[in-house]
Amino acid sequence: MRSFLILFLTFATVSTFAQKPNQWIKEKQVASVLKTLSADDMQGRRPGTPAMDKAAAFIASAFKKAGLQPLKGNSDFLQRFNMISSETSARSLTINGRKLDNSEFVVFAGEENIKWETGAAEIKYIKAGENFGQKVFAEFNSSGNVLLIADTSFSRIFNRFKSFRSSRWGGNVIVALSQETVYRFQAEATSTVKKIAYANVAGMIPGKSKADEVVIFSAHYDHLGIGKPVENDSIFNGANDDASGTTAVITLASYFKKLGPQERTLIFVAFTAEESGGFGATYFSRQMDPAKTMAMFNIEMIGTDSKWGKNSAFITGYEKSDFGQLLQADLVGSNFTFHPDPYPDQNLFYRSDNATLARLGVPAHTISTSKMDSEKFYHTVNDEFETLDMKNMTQIIRAIAISSKAICSGKATPTRVSLPE
C-alpha cells in the first residue's frame, strides 16, 4: 500500500505540473507561429535578405508580446553583429617554390589586397581522415591569417567547396590541396570585400535567487532561401529546419513568462546563419560566461516523428553530461521519453548551435526528432508546414517545458561536458 501511495503521489505531482503546459502550450498557437515562419513570403529566411529581416521582426514582436526583456546592454531584441563576404578576382600561391594552379587553392579574403611572404600567415593542415568541413569552418570563425593545407584525399569535396561562398568574421583564409609540408610560401590576392549585417533575436526573463546563472532555450531561424526551381517551387521554406525549433523557443518564452520568474535567468534566442557556419550561435556564445551558463536546450527539427514514433525525441551528446537523465527525471509518470542520439556517426553534437558552448564545457545539447538517415524533405523545397505533425510537435514542446523544471528552478544542475585532453 505504501509503495502504491508513493507511486500515486509521484504521478499526481507530474500530472499537476503538466496541467500548465497543457493549458498554456496549445497546438493552435504552435501551428500559427510555425505557419508564419515557414510561409512563402518569408522566402526561405536566408541571412542578408529583406525576408530574413522580416522573420527577425516577427520573432522580436513575439518576444515583446510574451513580455520578455532585451538582453543586458541591448535596447531591443536584436543582437546585431557584422561579418564579411568576398569575391576574389586575382590570386596566386607558391609553396616551396612551386606555383600552384588556380584549381589547387581557393581564397577567402577579409581584406581587398593580400600579399603574404613566409611567416605572414599561420600554416595549418587537414590530414587524411579528418573532418574537412569542420576544420575549414573553424578557421572562418577566427580573424587571423591562415594557410590551410588539405590532404589530396579531399580532392572531391575540395572541388565542390571551391564554389562555396560564406560570410566570416574577418581575417584571411587560403585553402590549398597539397601533400607537401610547407616550409616557405608566397601568396597574393585581390578581392572585393563586403560587410554584411546579421542579427540574432534574443530576450530574457531575469531569475530570482540565482539570477547570475543562465539557462538557454535556442534554435536557428535561418534557412536556405530561394534556389533552383523544382516543379515550379523555388522556395526552401525550412518548416522543420528550423522554423519548428524557433516556434518551440517562442512558445516556451510565452509559457515561462506566464509561469513566472524562475530562480535562474532564462534566455530565449533565435540564431542567424546556422546553415552557413553557425555564426549566430558563435557570436552569442562569445557574449556568455561559460561558468555561469548552466544548461542549453537547443531545439532542432522537431516537426516529424522520431525513429521511436510519437512522444519521443533524442538528445545529442547524451553521454557527455547527465543533462538527459535530469530531463527524464522530471518526466517520470509521463509517456514521453528522451533517447540518446541514434546517429553518433553523424557527429550531430558538434554540428548544431549547441557546439560552441559545449566546447567550453557547458552542458549544451540539441533536442531533435529528425530521422537523419531518412528525412526525405531535409534541405528540399518540400520542407513545408503541411508535411509536419502539429499535435506531436506540441507534445514535444510541452515535454521540454516539463523536463526543464528542475534545471530552471535551480534544484538540479547538469554536469559539465567533458572536454577532450
Protein backbone atom coordinates (compact mmCIF):
# COMPACT_ATOMS: atom_id res chain seq x y z
CA MET A 1 0.00 0.00 0.00
CA ARG A 2 2.82 2.42 0.90
CA SER A 3 4.57 1.80 -2.47
CA PHE A 4 1.30 2.33 -4.29
CA LEU A 5 0.76 5.61 -2.42
CA ILE A 6 4.25 6.88 -3.32
CA LEU A 7 3.69 5.98 -6.95
CA PHE A 8 0.29 7.65 -6.91
CA LEU A 9 1.67 10.85 -5.36
CA THR A 10 4.53 10.95 -7.88
CA PHE A 11 2.11 10.57 -10.77
CA ALA A 12 -0.21 13.18 -9.26
CA THR A 13 2.65 15.68 -8.91
CA VAL A 14 3.73 15.20 -12.53
CA SER A 15 0.15 15.39 -13.72
CA THR A 16 -0.48 18.59 -11.76
CA PHE A 17 2.67 20.23 -13.09
CA ALA A 18 1.80 19.11 -16.61
CA GLN A 19 -1.54 20.85 -16.45
CA LYS A 20 0.01 24.27 -17.03
CA PRO A 21 1.94 23.25 -20.17
CA ASN A 22 -1.24 21.62 -21.42
CA GLN A 23 -3.17 24.81 -20.73
CA TRP A 24 -0.60 27.32 -21.98
CA ILE A 25 1.09 25.47 -24.84
CA LYS A 26 -1.66 24.99 -27.38
CA GLU A 27 -1.49 23.27 -30.75
CA LYS A 28 -3.31 26.20 -32.38
CA GLN A 29 -0.66 28.65 -31.15
CA VAL A 30 2.18 26.36 -32.25
CA ALA A 31 0.68 25.95 -35.72
CA SER A 32 0.11 29.70 -36.13
CA VAL A 33 3.73 30.60 -35.34
CA LEU A 34 5.18 27.82 -37.49
CA LYS A 35 2.92 28.66 -40.42
CA THR A 36 4.04 32.30 -40.31
CA LEU A 37 7.77 31.50 -40.12
CA SER A 38 7.64 28.96 -42.95
CA ALA A 39 5.30 30.86 -45.27
CA ASP A 40 6.33 31.64 -48.85
CA ASP A 41 6.57 35.35 -48.06
CA MET A 42 9.49 34.56 -45.71
CA GLN A 43 11.30 33.35 -48.86
CA GLY A 44 13.32 30.71 -47.05
CA ARG A 45 14.81 33.10 -44.46
CA ARG A 46 18.25 33.44 -46.00
CA PRO A 47 20.61 35.70 -43.97
CA GLY A 48 21.31 39.08 -45.52
CA THR A 49 17.93 39.34 -47.25
CA PRO A 50 14.86 41.52 -46.52
CA ALA A 51 12.90 38.32 -45.86
CA MET A 52 15.34 37.43 -43.07
CA ASP A 53 14.80 40.88 -41.56
CA LYS A 54 11.05 40.22 -41.74
CA ALA A 55 11.48 36.93 -39.87
CA ALA A 56 13.62 38.63 -37.21
CA ALA A 57 10.99 41.34 -36.74
CA PHE A 58 8.29 38.70 -36.29
CA ILE A 59 10.30 36.83 -33.64
CA ALA A 60 11.15 40.08 -31.85
CA SER A 61 7.49 41.07 -31.77
CA ALA A 62 6.61 37.65 -30.35
CA PHE A 63 9.20 38.08 -27.58
CA LYS A 64 7.86 41.55 -26.82
CA LYS A 65 4.27 40.28 -26.75
CA ALA A 66 5.31 37.49 -24.39
CA GLY A 67 6.76 40.09 -22.01
CA LEU A 68 10.45 39.25 -22.29
CA GLN A 69 13.19 41.81 -21.65
CA PRO A 70 16.05 42.51 -24.07
CA LEU A 71 19.43 41.10 -23.06
CA LYS A 72 21.52 43.29 -20.80
CA GLY A 73 23.19 46.04 -22.81
CA ASN A 74 20.68 45.76 -25.67
CA SER A 75 17.97 48.34 -26.35
CA ASP A 76 15.80 45.88 -28.27
CA PHE A 77 15.60 42.16 -29.03
CA LEU A 78 18.10 42.19 -31.91
CA GLN A 79 21.65 41.13 -31.09
CA ARG A 80 23.48 42.72 -34.02
CA PHE A 81 26.92 41.90 -35.42
CA ASN A 82 28.79 42.27 -38.70
CA MET A 83 30.52 39.75 -40.91
CA ILE A 84 32.22 39.92 -44.27
CA SER A 85 31.97 38.17 -47.62
CA SER A 86 34.31 38.47 -50.57
CA GLU A 87 34.83 37.71 -54.25
CA THR A 88 38.42 37.22 -55.43
CA SER A 89 39.35 38.44 -58.91
CA ALA A 90 43.08 37.64 -59.00
CA ARG A 91 45.20 35.26 -56.95
CA SER A 92 48.46 33.35 -56.86
CA LEU A 93 50.06 30.90 -54.41
CA THR A 94 53.59 29.47 -54.38
CA ILE A 95 54.55 26.68 -51.96
CA ASN A 96 58.19 25.63 -51.52
CA GLY A 97 59.00 27.32 -54.81
CA ARG A 98 56.20 25.58 -56.74
CA LYS A 99 53.48 27.81 -58.15
CA LEU A 100 50.08 26.18 -57.70
CA ASP A 101 47.47 26.11 -60.42
CA ASN A 102 44.36 28.14 -59.61
CA SER A 103 42.39 24.88 -59.41
CA GLU A 104 44.52 23.79 -56.44
CA PHE A 105 43.58 26.55 -53.99
CA VAL A 106 40.82 28.96 -53.05
CA VAL A 107 40.99 32.32 -51.27
CA PHE A 108 38.55 33.63 -48.65
CA ALA A 109 39.67 37.21 -48.15
CA GLY A 110 38.94 39.58 -45.32
CA GLU A 111 40.73 42.49 -46.96
CA GLU A 112 40.98 43.77 -50.51
CA ASN A 113 44.67 43.05 -51.04
CA ILE A 114 46.67 40.12 -49.68
CA LYS A 115 50.42 39.94 -50.08
CA TRP A 116 51.99 37.25 -47.93
CA GLU A 117 55.54 36.05 -47.50
CA THR A 118 56.54 33.14 -45.27
CA GLY A 119 55.54 33.95 -41.68
CA ALA A 120 52.70 36.28 -42.60
CA ALA A 121 50.12 33.52 -42.06
CA GLU A 122 49.83 30.52 -39.77
CA ILE A 123 50.18 27.20 -41.59
CA LYS A 124 47.68 24.50 -40.61
CA TYR A 125 46.93 21.06 -42.05
CA ILE A 126 43.87 18.90 -42.67
CA LYS A 127 45.12 15.33 -42.52
CA ALA A 128 43.55 12.41 -44.35
CA GLY A 129 40.58 11.08 -42.40
CA GLU A 130 39.86 14.34 -40.56
CA ASN A 131 36.65 16.33 -40.97
CA PHE A 132 37.36 18.72 -43.85
CA GLY A 133 34.31 20.96 -43.38
CA GLN A 134 34.73 21.22 -39.64
CA LYS A 135 38.39 22.23 -39.99
CA VAL A 136 37.63 24.90 -42.60
CA PHE A 137 34.66 26.40 -40.79
CA ALA A 138 36.72 26.61 -37.60
CA GLU A 139 39.05 28.99 -39.43
CA PHE A 140 36.09 31.04 -40.68
CA ASN A 141 35.29 31.66 -37.01
CA SER A 142 38.71 33.21 -36.41
CA SER A 143 40.11 36.56 -37.50
CA GLY A 144 43.74 35.79 -38.31
CA ASN A 145 45.67 34.87 -41.47
CA VAL A 146 45.70 31.13 -42.15
CA LEU A 147 47.15 28.97 -44.93
CA LEU A 148 45.21 25.70 -44.64
CA ILE A 149 46.78 22.72 -46.43
CA ALA A 150 44.33 19.89 -47.13
CA ASP A 151 45.50 16.37 -48.00
CA THR A 152 44.86 15.44 -51.63
CA SER A 153 42.46 12.70 -50.48
CA PHE A 154 39.96 15.57 -50.08
CA SER A 155 40.08 16.44 -53.79
CA ARG A 156 36.43 15.59 -54.40
CA ILE A 157 35.00 17.65 -51.54
CA PHE A 158 37.55 20.39 -52.24
CA ASN A 159 36.34 20.73 -55.83
CA ARG A 160 32.77 21.18 -54.59
CA PHE A 161 33.97 23.55 -51.90
CA LYS A 162 35.74 25.90 -54.32
CA SER A 163 32.42 27.43 -55.39
CA PHE A 164 31.31 27.93 -51.79
CA ARG A 165 30.94 31.48 -50.54
CA SER A 166 30.45 32.08 -46.85
CA SER A 167 30.23 35.04 -44.52
CA ARG A 168 33.05 35.17 -41.99
CA TRP A 169 34.22 37.21 -39.02
CA GLY A 170 37.25 38.55 -40.83
CA GLY A 171 40.83 37.58 -41.43
CA ASN A 172 42.10 35.76 -44.50
CA VAL A 173 41.94 32.04 -45.19
CA ILE A 174 43.59 30.29 -48.13
CA VAL A 175 42.73 26.61 -48.53
CA ALA A 176 45.10 24.61 -50.74
CA LEU A 177 45.10 20.98 -51.84
CA SER A 178 48.60 19.55 -51.40
CA GLN A 179 50.63 16.67 -50.00
CA GLU A 180 53.54 18.95 -49.16
CA THR A 181 54.83 20.10 -45.82
CA VAL A 182 55.11 23.84 -46.27
CA TYR A 183 58.47 25.42 -45.48
CA ARG A 184 58.04 28.66 -47.41
CA PHE A 185 55.25 30.32 -49.35
CA GLN A 186 54.13 33.48 -51.15
CA ALA A 187 50.52 34.47 -51.75
CA GLU A 188 48.78 37.38 -53.43
CA ALA A 189 45.09 38.10 -53.96
CA THR A 190 42.85 40.97 -55.00
CA SER A 191 39.27 40.81 -53.77
CA THR A 192 36.06 42.77 -53.41
CA VAL A 193 35.08 42.68 -49.74
CA LYS A 194 31.60 43.47 -48.41
CA LYS A 195 30.41 43.88 -44.83
CA ILE A 196 27.08 42.22 -44.04
CA ALA A 197 24.87 42.93 -41.02
CA TYR A 198 23.44 39.96 -39.10
CA ALA A 199 21.20 39.70 -36.06
CA ASN A 200 20.24 37.06 -33.54
CA VAL A 201 16.91 37.63 -31.81
CA ALA A 202 17.11 37.25 -28.03
CA GLY A 203 15.15 38.03 -24.89
CA MET A 204 15.28 37.08 -21.24
CA ILE A 205 13.32 36.50 -18.06
CA PRO A 206 15.52 37.55 -15.11
CA GLY A 207 15.90 34.98 -12.37
CA LYS A 208 15.39 35.37 -8.66
CA SER A 209 17.81 33.82 -6.15
CA LYS A 210 20.25 32.60 -8.83
CA ALA A 211 19.88 35.39 -11.36
CA ASP A 212 23.56 35.23 -12.36
CA GLU A 213 23.08 31.63 -13.52
CA VAL A 214 21.64 31.23 -17.02
CA VAL A 215 19.59 28.58 -18.80
CA ILE A 216 19.26 28.97 -22.58
CA PHE A 217 16.48 27.87 -24.93
CA SER A 218 17.60 28.25 -28.54
CA ALA A 219 17.04 27.41 -32.21
CA HIS A 220 18.15 28.85 -35.53
CA TYR A 221 15.70 30.83 -37.63
CA ASP A 222 17.66 30.98 -40.89
CA HIS A 223 17.35 28.57 -43.79
CA LEU A 224 18.49 28.27 -47.41
CA GLY A 225 16.39 30.97 -49.10
CA ILE A 226 15.48 30.68 -52.78
CA GLY A 227 17.16 28.17 -55.07
CA LYS A 228 16.78 26.25 -58.29
CA PRO A 229 13.09 25.58 -59.03
CA VAL A 230 11.74 22.06 -58.55
CA GLU A 231 8.32 21.63 -60.18
CA ASN A 232 7.86 25.43 -60.17
CA ASP A 233 8.76 25.74 -56.47
CA SER A 234 12.00 27.58 -55.69
CA ILE A 235 11.44 28.46 -52.01
CA PHE A 236 13.21 26.38 -49.38
CA ASN A 237 10.66 27.09 -46.64
CA GLY A 238 12.55 25.30 -43.87
CA ALA A 239 9.43 24.46 -41.87
CA ASN A 240 11.12 21.65 -39.98
CA ASP A 241 14.65 23.07 -40.38
CA ASP A 242 14.38 25.04 -38.22
CA ALA A 243 11.15 27.00 -38.06
CA SER A 244 9.96 24.14 -35.84
CA GLY A 245 12.70 24.79 -33.28
CA THR A 246 12.18 28.55 -33.44
CA THR A 247 8.46 28.03 -32.89
CA ALA A 248 9.30 25.98 -29.80
CA VAL A 249 11.52 28.78 -28.43
CA ILE A 250 8.79 31.39 -28.96
CA THR A 251 6.18 29.12 -27.38
CA LEU A 252 8.41 28.32 -24.40
CA ALA A 253 9.15 32.02 -23.87
CA SER A 254 5.42 32.72 -23.59
CA TYR A 255 4.92 29.72 -21.31
CA PHE A 256 7.70 30.62 -18.86
CA LYS A 257 6.60 34.25 -18.72
CA LYS A 258 3.13 33.12 -17.67
CA LEU A 259 4.66 30.67 -15.19
CA GLY A 260 6.61 33.48 -13.55
CA PRO A 261 10.31 34.08 -12.84
CA GLN A 262 12.42 31.01 -12.11
CA GLU A 263 15.36 31.00 -9.73
CA ARG A 264 17.73 31.08 -12.70
CA THR A 265 17.69 33.60 -15.54
CA LEU A 266 16.18 32.22 -18.73
CA ILE A 267 17.38 33.36 -22.16
CA PHE A 268 15.44 32.64 -25.33
CA VAL A 269 17.37 33.10 -28.57
CA ALA A 270 16.84 32.52 -32.29
CA PHE A 271 20.17 32.29 -34.08
CA THR A 272 21.02 33.54 -37.54
CA ALA A 273 23.44 31.94 -40.03
CA GLU A 274 23.44 28.37 -38.72
CA GLU A 275 23.27 26.97 -42.22
CA SER A 276 26.32 28.95 -43.34
CA GLY A 277 28.61 28.05 -40.46
CA GLY A 278 26.92 28.59 -37.09
CA PHE A 279 27.96 32.24 -36.93
CA GLY A 280 24.96 33.48 -34.96
CA ALA A 281 25.48 30.94 -32.19
CA THR A 282 29.21 31.60 -32.19
CA TYR A 283 28.71 35.34 -31.71
CA PHE A 284 26.10 34.79 -28.99
CA SER A 285 28.35 32.33 -27.16
CA ARG A 286 31.18 34.85 -27.09
CA GLN A 287 28.96 37.16 -25.05
CA MET A 288 28.24 34.49 -22.43
CA ASP A 289 30.20 33.46 -19.35
CA PRO A 290 30.53 29.66 -19.73
CA ALA A 291 30.94 29.23 -15.97
CA LYS A 292 27.56 30.87 -15.37
CA THR A 293 25.78 29.12 -18.24
CA MET A 294 24.18 26.14 -16.53
CA ALA A 295 22.43 24.47 -19.48
CA MET A 296 21.39 24.97 -23.09
CA PHE A 297 18.26 23.45 -24.63
CA ASN A 298 18.96 23.80 -28.35
CA ILE A 299 15.95 22.69 -30.40
CA GLU A 300 16.45 21.49 -33.97
CA MET A 301 13.90 19.87 -36.30
CA ILE A 302 11.08 18.57 -34.07
CA GLY A 303 8.24 18.64 -36.61
CA THR A 304 8.33 14.97 -37.61
CA ASP A 305 8.08 11.77 -35.57
CA SER A 306 11.33 10.33 -34.27
CA LYS A 307 12.51 6.82 -35.15
CA TRP A 308 10.71 5.64 -31.98
CA GLY A 309 7.42 7.22 -33.05
CA LYS A 310 5.42 9.85 -31.18
CA ASN A 311 6.07 11.19 -27.66
CA SER A 312 9.81 10.80 -28.07
CA ALA A 313 12.89 12.76 -29.10
CA PHE A 314 16.64 12.34 -28.88
CA ILE A 315 19.36 14.38 -27.22
CA THR A 316 22.75 14.82 -28.88
CA GLY A 317 25.78 14.14 -26.72
CA TYR A 318 23.57 12.28 -24.23
CA GLU A 319 26.59 10.51 -22.74
CA LYS A 320 28.65 13.69 -22.33
CA SER A 321 26.70 15.00 -19.29
CA ASP A 322 23.70 13.97 -17.18
CA PHE A 323 21.52 16.60 -18.88
CA GLY A 324 19.29 13.96 -20.49
CA GLN A 325 18.91 12.00 -17.26
CA LEU A 326 17.78 15.14 -15.42
CA LEU A 327 15.23 15.90 -18.12
CA GLN A 328 13.85 12.36 -17.97
CA ALA A 329 13.64 12.52 -14.16
CA ASP A 330 11.17 15.42 -14.43
CA LEU A 331 9.11 13.34 -16.87
CA VAL A 332 8.55 10.39 -14.51
CA GLY A 333 4.91 9.38 -14.79
CA SER A 334 4.53 10.75 -18.30
CA ASN A 335 4.65 8.74 -21.51
CA PHE A 336 7.40 10.86 -23.08
CA THR A 337 10.96 9.59 -23.49
CA PHE A 338 14.22 11.33 -24.36
CA HIS A 339 16.61 8.91 -26.03
CA PRO A 340 20.36 9.13 -26.69
CA ASP A 341 21.31 10.26 -30.20
CA PRO A 342 20.83 7.26 -32.52
CA TYR A 343 23.09 8.74 -35.20
CA PRO A 344 26.51 9.03 -33.49
CA ASP A 345 28.35 8.55 -36.79
CA GLN A 346 26.95 11.90 -37.98
CA ASN A 347 28.60 13.84 -35.13
CA LEU A 348 25.43 15.89 -34.54
CA PHE A 349 26.58 17.10 -31.13
CA TYR A 350 29.20 19.30 -32.77
CA ARG A 351 27.18 20.20 -35.88
CA SER A 352 24.43 22.34 -34.37
CA ASP A 353 24.24 25.62 -32.48
CA ASN A 354 24.98 24.00 -29.12
CA ALA A 355 28.54 23.23 -30.25
CA THR A 356 30.34 26.46 -29.35
CA LEU A 357 29.23 26.42 -25.72
CA ALA A 358 29.64 22.64 -25.48
CA ARG A 359 33.28 23.02 -26.47
CA LEU A 360 33.65 25.31 -23.44
CA GLY A 361 32.25 22.64 -21.11
CA VAL A 362 28.67 23.90 -20.94
CA PRO A 363 26.02 21.13 -20.84
CA ALA A 364 24.65 22.40 -24.14
CA HIS A 365 22.67 19.78 -26.03
CA THR A 366 20.36 19.65 -29.03
CA ILE A 367 16.89 18.11 -28.83
CA SER A 368 15.58 16.71 -32.10
CA THR A 369 13.30 14.12 -33.69
CA SER A 370 14.81 14.23 -37.15
CA LYS A 371 15.40 10.83 -38.74
CA MET A 372 18.78 11.79 -40.14
CA ASP A 373 19.04 8.64 -42.25
CA SER A 374 15.63 9.06 -43.92
CA GLU A 375 14.28 12.62 -43.54
CA LYS A 376 13.12 12.92 -47.14
CA PHE A 377 12.31 16.65 -47.12
CA TYR A 378 15.56 17.77 -45.43
CA HIS A 379 17.04 20.73 -47.36
CA THR A 380 14.44 20.50 -50.13
CA VAL A 381 11.69 22.82 -51.34
CA ASN A 382 9.21 20.34 -49.85
CA ASP A 383 10.12 21.14 -46.23
CA GLU A 384 6.78 22.90 -45.73
CA PHE A 385 4.24 23.36 -42.96
CA GLU A 386 1.85 20.75 -44.37
CA THR A 387 4.45 17.96 -44.00
CA LEU A 388 4.71 18.33 -40.21
CA ASP A 389 2.76 16.83 -37.31
CA MET A 390 1.47 19.72 -35.20
CA LYS A 391 -0.07 17.57 -32.48
CA ASN A 392 3.12 15.61 -31.83
CA MET A 393 5.27 18.73 -32.08
CA THR A 394 3.09 20.42 -29.45
CA GLN A 395 3.58 17.41 -27.18
CA ILE A 396 7.34 17.68 -27.61
CA ILE A 397 7.33 21.35 -26.63
CA ARG A 398 5.25 20.53 -23.57
CA ALA A 399 7.72 17.78 -22.66
CA ILE A 400 10.63 20.22 -22.92
CA ALA A 401 8.77 22.66 -20.64
CA ILE A 402 8.08 19.96 -18.04
CA SER A 403 11.53 18.36 -18.25
CA SER A 404 13.33 21.67 -17.69
CA LYS A 405 11.62 22.28 -14.34
CA ALA A 406 14.44 21.24 -12.01
CA ILE A 407 17.16 22.95 -14.05
CA CYS A 408 15.29 26.26 -14.37
CA SER A 409 14.35 26.26 -10.70
CA GLY A 410 17.95 25.69 -9.68
CA LYS A 411 17.16 22.40 -7.95
CA ALA A 412 19.28 20.46 -10.45
CA THR A 413 22.46 21.34 -12.32
CA PRO A 414 23.74 19.19 -15.18
CA THR A 415 27.32 18.00 -15.04
CA ARG A 416 29.73 19.82 -17.30
CA VAL A 417 30.59 18.41 -20.71
CA SER A 418 33.92 16.60 -20.55
CA LEU A 419 36.46 18.37 -22.72
CA PRO A 420 39.00 16.44 -24.77
CA GLU A 421 42.57 16.39 -23.44
